[in-house]
Amino acid sequence: MKTMKSQKTKYRNEITIFEFLKNNPDLTTREIANTLGRSMASVTGQLRQLHGAGRVTPSGLRSGATVWCVNDMPFGCGSRIRMEFEERLRACRGGVR
């Protein structure tokens, strides 16, 4: 009799979505799911969790689908423009926060 793996341990020895995106940025949810052999629902749920934690960020759209990449900005700030604005604002205020 064949036993089924539990959902919790199903991907134990496989690459995580975060690691995959770190090595392969700017992919859509469907591309990630197809490459890793996972369901769209599974990948979507994991991307939502990673996005909520500030670890991944949408980097644009391709054919109407969100393109994802790893958030390389500190403290969960995903916008380089915003980070530059904050730095310039601090400089104008004389470093006062």
Protein backbone atom coordinates (compact mmCIF):
# COMPACT_ATOMS: atom_id res chain seq x y z
CA MET A 1 0.00 0.00 0.00
CA LYS A 2 1.37 3.39 -1.02
CA THR A 3 1.29 6.18 1.56
CA MET A 4 0.76 9.83 0.67
CA LYS A 5 3.10 12.55 1.90
CA SER A 6 1.46 15.16 4.04
CA GLN A 7 1.15 18.62 2.50
CA LYS A 8 3.45 20.03 5.18
CA THR A 9 6.39 17.79 4.24
CA LYS A 10 5.69 17.57 0.51
CA TYR A 11 8.37 20.12 -0.49
CA ARG A 12 10.85 19.43 2.31
CA ASN A 13 13.87 18.60 0.10
CA GLU A 14 13.00 20.92 -2.76
CA ILE A 15 14.08 24.49 -3.44
CA THR A 16 11.88 27.16 -1.85
CA ILE A 17 10.14 29.82 -3.92
CA PHE A 18 12.24 32.48 -2.20
CA GLU A 19 15.50 30.73 -3.16
CA PHE A 20 14.20 30.16 -6.69
CA LEU A 21 13.28 33.84 -7.13
CA LYS A 22 16.65 34.92 -5.76
CA ASN A 23 18.34 33.01 -8.60
CA ASN A 24 15.65 33.68 -11.24
CA PRO A 25 14.13 37.15 -10.76
CA ASP A 26 11.27 38.67 -12.74
CA LEU A 27 9.05 35.64 -13.21
CA THR A 28 5.26 35.42 -13.13
CA THR A 29 3.36 33.17 -10.74
CA ARG A 30 2.54 30.76 -13.59
CA GLU A 31 6.19 30.56 -14.68
CA ILE A 32 7.26 29.78 -11.11
CA ALA A 33 4.55 27.13 -10.72
CA ASN A 34 5.38 25.46 -14.04
CA THR A 35 9.13 25.44 -13.42
CA LEU A 36 8.87 24.06 -9.88
CA GLY A 37 6.06 21.65 -10.76
CA ARG A 38 3.66 23.09 -8.19
CA SER A 39 0.06 24.21 -8.42
CA MET A 40 -0.83 27.84 -9.08
CA ALA A 41 -2.78 27.93 -5.81
CA SER A 42 0.25 26.76 -3.82
CA VAL A 43 2.60 29.28 -5.44
CA THR A 44 0.07 32.12 -5.13
CA GLY A 45 -0.38 31.42 -1.42
CA GLN A 46 3.35 31.29 -0.77
CA LEU A 47 3.95 34.50 -2.75
CA ARG A 48 1.23 36.25 -0.72
CA GLN A 49 2.95 35.21 2.50
CA LEU A 50 6.37 36.31 1.23
CA HIS A 51 4.96 39.61 -0.03
CA GLY A 52 3.19 40.23 3.28
CA ALA A 53 6.48 39.66 5.09
CA GLY A 54 8.26 42.05 2.72
CA ARG A 55 10.58 39.38 1.31
CA VAL A 56 9.36 39.58 -2.30
CA THR A 57 7.92 42.47 -4.25
CA PRO A 58 6.12 42.90 -7.57
CA SER A 59 8.53 44.34 -10.11
CA GLY A 60 6.08 44.99 -12.94
CA LEU A 61 3.64 43.35 -15.30
CA ARG A 62 4.13 40.99 -18.22
CA SER A 63 1.08 40.27 -20.39
CA GLY A 64 -1.16 41.39 -17.53
CA ALA A 65 0.48 39.09 -14.97
CA THR A 66 2.48 40.31 -11.98
CA VAL A 67 6.23 39.73 -12.20
CA TRP A 68 7.94 38.96 -8.88
CA CYS A 69 11.46 39.50 -7.55
CA VAL A 70 13.24 39.28 -4.20
CA ASN A 71 13.07 42.48 -2.15
CA ASP A 72 16.70 43.56 -1.83
CA MET A 73 15.93 46.74 0.11
CA PRO A 74 16.39 46.83 3.88
CA PHE A 75 13.50 46.87 6.33
CA GLY A 76 10.97 45.65 3.75
CA CYS A 77 11.06 48.85 1.68
CA GLY A 78 10.48 47.64 -1.86
CA SER A 79 10.73 50.90 -3.77
CA ARG A 80 14.14 52.25 -4.73
CA ILE A 81 12.57 55.62 -5.56
CA ARG A 82 11.02 55.84 -2.10
CA MET A 83 14.32 54.93 -0.47
CA GLU A 84 16.13 57.64 -2.46
CA PHE A 85 13.43 60.15 -1.53
CA GLU A 86 13.79 59.32 2.17
CA GLU A 87 17.59 59.71 1.99
CA ARG A 88 17.32 63.12 0.29
CA LEU A 89 14.66 64.27 2.73
CA ARG A 90 16.90 63.33 5.67
CA ALA A 91 19.79 65.23 4.06
CA CYS A 92 17.60 68.34 3.58
CA ARG A 93 16.50 68.19 7.19
CA GLY A 94 20.09 67.92 8.33
CA GLY A 95 19.93 64.28 9.34
CA VAL A 96 17.10 64.85 11.83
CA ARG A 97 14.54 62.05 11.89
